[in-house]
Amino acid sequence: MTNVNGGAFPQRFGLDLDVAARLAGQVQEFGFDSARLVIGRFADLFDRFESSATWGASVGGLPWVLGPSARKAPEKQDALLLPDVEPGGRCTARMWLHNPTHASIPNLRFWSQGLVTHDGETLPASAVTFVPSIVESIGPECSLEISACVAIPIGTVPGAYHGQILVEGLPEEALRARVNIIKPSER
């Protein structure tokens, strides 16, 4: 740092060369630490995305990339498949919402009316939750991970439960969801 622009840079800002060298070292150290944190976070996000996302669907022009059990799903399927779970258990699947547009999309709230089997057995709407449940805004060209969680009450009849994930703020769209409730001995 002692020869930055012939020493003119530190002098222009009223710094002596020793102070300028210490500041440059701190900036460099902070910059490397910050870069390492950002790269680490990106790598974690990429690993989570890569391990959980295998195919997508479209909701309101926003592509969804769906969770881990989607690996078993046919390429054209447009449903979130949650892991098999026993009565009294809980299962979660991740999905990603991408906003490829150049505008923010405000006030999104994820919800479900509940899940039902072919013969009328039901899981109430309160059994299905999302994290986050409300998104104030998803920025232009941004992505957001959403976890869909289903808590299975004890005594729930085993079977394939179907429903929809709805997004308040995207009135024309719904995403199908399915979870298989299995007998405890089937695991």
Protein backbone atom coordinates (compact mmCIF):
# COMPACT_ATOMS: atom_id res chain seq x y z
CA MET A 1 0.00 0.00 0.00
CA THR A 2 2.97 2.28 0.36
CA ASN A 3 3.09 2.97 -3.35
CA VAL A 4 -0.57 3.37 -4.35
CA ASN A 5 -0.50 6.05 -7.04
CA GLY A 6 2.93 7.05 -5.78
CA GLY A 7 1.49 7.52 -2.26
CA ALA A 8 -1.03 10.09 -3.55
CA PHE A 9 -4.13 8.04 -2.68
CA PRO A 10 -3.64 7.96 1.13
CA GLN A 11 -2.42 11.56 1.16
CA ARG A 12 -5.45 12.75 -0.83
CA PHE A 13 -7.66 11.52 2.02
CA GLY A 14 -5.42 12.84 4.78
CA LEU A 15 -4.05 9.44 5.83
CA ASP A 16 -0.46 8.66 6.60
CA LEU A 17 0.91 5.56 4.93
CA ASP A 18 0.92 3.39 8.08
CA VAL A 19 -2.76 4.11 8.81
CA ALA A 20 -3.61 3.52 5.14
CA ALA A 21 -1.74 0.19 5.18
CA ARG A 22 -3.58 -0.94 8.37
CA LEU A 23 -6.94 0.08 6.86
CA ALA A 24 -6.14 -1.74 3.62
CA GLY A 25 -5.26 -4.85 5.61
CA GLN A 26 -8.53 -4.66 7.55
CA VAL A 27 -10.53 -4.13 4.36
CA GLN A 28 -8.73 -7.03 2.75
CA GLU A 29 -9.32 -9.30 5.78
CA PHE A 30 -12.98 -8.26 6.02
CA GLY A 31 -13.41 -8.68 2.28
CA PHE A 32 -12.00 -12.20 2.32
CA ASP A 33 -14.16 -13.16 5.31
CA SER A 34 -17.24 -11.68 3.65
CA ALA A 35 -16.50 -13.38 0.36
CA ARG A 36 -15.96 -16.70 2.14
CA LEU A 37 -19.32 -16.31 3.95
CA VAL A 38 -21.17 -15.39 0.75
CA ILE A 39 -19.59 -18.25 -1.19
CA GLY A 40 -20.35 -20.65 1.67
CA ARG A 41 -23.99 -19.57 1.77
CA PHE A 42 -24.27 -19.91 -2.00
CA ALA A 43 -22.71 -23.38 -1.84
CA ASP A 44 -25.17 -24.41 0.92
CA LEU A 45 -28.13 -23.10 -1.09
CA PHE A 46 -26.87 -24.85 -4.22
CA ASP A 47 -26.39 -28.13 -2.32
CA ARG A 48 -29.91 -27.91 -0.85
CA PHE A 49 -31.36 -26.98 -4.23
CA GLU A 50 -29.44 -29.70 -6.07
CA SER A 51 -30.40 -32.39 -3.56
CA SER A 52 -34.07 -31.43 -3.40
CA ALA A 53 -35.06 -30.15 -6.80
CA THR A 54 -35.47 -32.31 -9.84
CA TRP A 55 -38.39 -30.95 -11.85
CA GLY A 56 -40.69 -28.00 -12.02
CA ALA A 57 -44.17 -26.72 -12.63
CA SER A 58 -45.50 -23.26 -13.37
CA VAL A 59 -47.60 -21.15 -11.04
CA GLY A 60 -48.71 -17.77 -12.34
CA GLY A 61 -45.82 -17.69 -14.77
CA LEU A 62 -43.47 -18.40 -11.85
CA PRO A 63 -41.71 -21.74 -12.19
CA TRP A 64 -41.78 -23.99 -9.12
CA VAL A 65 -39.07 -26.52 -8.54
CA LEU A 66 -40.30 -29.21 -6.22
CA GLY A 67 -38.86 -31.25 -3.39
CA PRO A 68 -36.86 -34.40 -2.65
CA SER A 69 -39.50 -37.05 -3.33
CA ALA A 70 -39.92 -35.53 -6.77
CA ARG A 71 -36.97 -37.68 -7.88
CA LYS A 72 -39.46 -40.55 -8.15
CA ALA A 73 -41.92 -38.45 -10.14
CA PRO A 74 -42.33 -38.54 -13.90
CA GLU A 75 -40.89 -35.52 -15.69
CA LYS A 76 -44.26 -34.04 -16.63
CA GLN A 77 -45.92 -34.48 -13.23
CA ASP A 78 -47.08 -31.27 -11.59
CA ALA A 79 -47.54 -32.23 -7.94
CA LEU A 80 -45.52 -31.91 -4.76
CA LEU A 81 -44.99 -35.42 -3.40
CA LEU A 82 -44.35 -35.42 0.34
CA PRO A 83 -42.48 -38.35 1.97
CA ASP A 84 -44.50 -41.29 3.31
CA VAL A 85 -45.44 -40.82 6.95
CA GLU A 86 -47.17 -42.75 9.73
CA PRO A 87 -50.11 -41.48 11.80
CA GLY A 88 -48.77 -39.23 14.56
CA GLY A 89 -45.79 -38.27 12.38
CA ARG A 90 -44.77 -35.23 10.42
CA CYS A 91 -43.26 -34.86 6.96
CA THR A 92 -41.79 -31.96 5.04
CA ALA A 93 -40.89 -31.30 1.43
CA ARG A 94 -39.15 -28.27 0.00
CA MET A 95 -40.10 -26.39 -3.11
CA TRP A 96 -38.61 -23.35 -4.75
CA LEU A 97 -40.53 -20.45 -6.21
CA HIS A 98 -38.66 -18.51 -8.90
CA ASN A 99 -39.60 -15.06 -10.13
CA PRO A 100 -38.01 -14.75 -13.59
CA THR A 101 -39.73 -11.42 -14.25
CA HIS A 102 -38.26 -7.94 -13.93
CA ALA A 103 -40.80 -6.87 -11.29
CA SER A 104 -41.34 -7.76 -7.65
CA ILE A 105 -44.41 -9.82 -6.82
CA PRO A 106 -45.91 -8.68 -3.50
CA ASN A 107 -48.12 -10.24 -0.83
CA LEU A 108 -48.00 -13.99 -1.37
CA ARG A 109 -49.58 -16.30 1.22
CA PHE A 110 -49.25 -20.07 0.92
CA TRP A 111 -52.10 -22.24 2.17
CA SER A 112 -54.02 -25.47 1.62
CA GLN A 113 -57.66 -26.36 2.13
CA GLY A 114 -56.57 -29.75 3.54
CA LEU A 115 -56.02 -33.15 1.99
CA VAL A 116 -58.51 -35.92 1.16
CA THR A 117 -58.45 -39.57 0.04
CA HIS A 118 -60.48 -41.08 -2.78
CA ASP A 119 -63.02 -42.37 -0.26
CA GLY A 120 -63.46 -39.19 1.77
CA GLU A 121 -60.93 -39.50 4.62
CA THR A 122 -59.54 -36.05 5.37
CA LEU A 123 -56.62 -34.19 6.84
CA PRO A 124 -57.72 -30.73 7.98
CA ALA A 125 -56.28 -27.53 6.56
CA SER A 126 -54.58 -26.93 9.91
CA ALA A 127 -52.44 -30.05 9.32
CA VAL A 128 -50.73 -28.39 6.34
CA THR A 129 -48.37 -25.50 7.06
CA PHE A 130 -45.75 -23.58 5.12
CA VAL A 131 -42.50 -21.89 6.07
CA PRO A 132 -42.66 -19.08 5.29
CA SER A 133 -46.44 -18.90 5.12
CA ILE A 134 -46.42 -15.27 4.01
CA VAL A 135 -43.97 -13.60 1.63
CA GLU A 136 -44.15 -9.82 1.62
CA SER A 137 -42.42 -9.70 -1.74
CA ILE A 138 -40.32 -11.86 -4.02
CA GLY A 139 -37.93 -9.65 -5.93
CA PRO A 140 -37.29 -9.62 -9.64
CA GLU A 141 -35.19 -12.56 -10.83
CA CYS A 142 -35.13 -13.98 -7.28
CA SER A 143 -35.85 -17.39 -5.83
CA LEU A 144 -37.43 -18.44 -2.56
CA GLU A 145 -37.45 -21.80 -0.78
CA ILE A 146 -40.76 -22.80 0.81
CA SER A 147 -41.19 -25.81 3.08
CA ALA A 148 -44.53 -27.60 3.00
CA CYS A 149 -45.12 -29.47 6.26
CA VAL A 150 -47.90 -31.96 7.06
CA ALA A 151 -48.58 -33.04 10.65
CA ILE A 152 -50.54 -36.31 10.68
CA PRO A 153 -52.93 -36.70 13.62
CA ILE A 154 -52.81 -39.99 15.54
CA GLY A 155 -55.62 -42.19 14.33
CA THR A 156 -55.50 -40.97 10.74
CA VAL A 157 -56.60 -43.70 8.34
CA PRO A 158 -53.73 -44.80 6.06
CA GLY A 159 -54.08 -43.93 2.38
CA ALA A 160 -53.06 -41.54 -0.39
CA TYR A 161 -54.17 -38.01 0.52
CA HIS A 162 -54.45 -35.39 -2.21
CA GLY A 163 -54.96 -31.64 -2.15
CA GLN A 164 -53.75 -28.35 -3.50
CA ILE A 165 -51.25 -25.72 -2.51
CA LEU A 166 -52.76 -22.33 -3.17
CA VAL A 167 -51.07 -18.96 -3.18
CA GLU A 168 -53.08 -15.92 -2.20
CA GLY A 169 -51.79 -13.30 -4.60
CA LEU A 170 -51.78 -15.71 -7.57
CA PRO A 171 -55.54 -16.28 -8.01
CA GLU A 172 -55.34 -18.34 -11.19
CA GLU A 173 -52.96 -20.98 -9.89
CA ALA A 174 -52.86 -24.08 -7.69
CA LEU A 175 -50.23 -26.78 -7.23
CA ARG A 176 -51.29 -30.37 -6.51
CA ALA A 177 -49.88 -32.06 -3.40
CA ARG A 178 -49.91 -35.69 -2.25
CA VAL A 179 -48.83 -37.57 0.86
CA ASN A 180 -49.11 -41.29 1.58
CA ILE A 181 -50.09 -42.11 5.14
CA ILE A 182 -48.75 -45.59 5.87
CA LYS A 183 -49.38 -48.16 8.59
CA PRO A 184 -46.60 -48.19 11.24
CA SER A 185 -45.59 -51.73 10.23
CA GLU A 186 -44.97 -50.67 6.58
CA ARG A 187 -41.82 -48.70 7.29
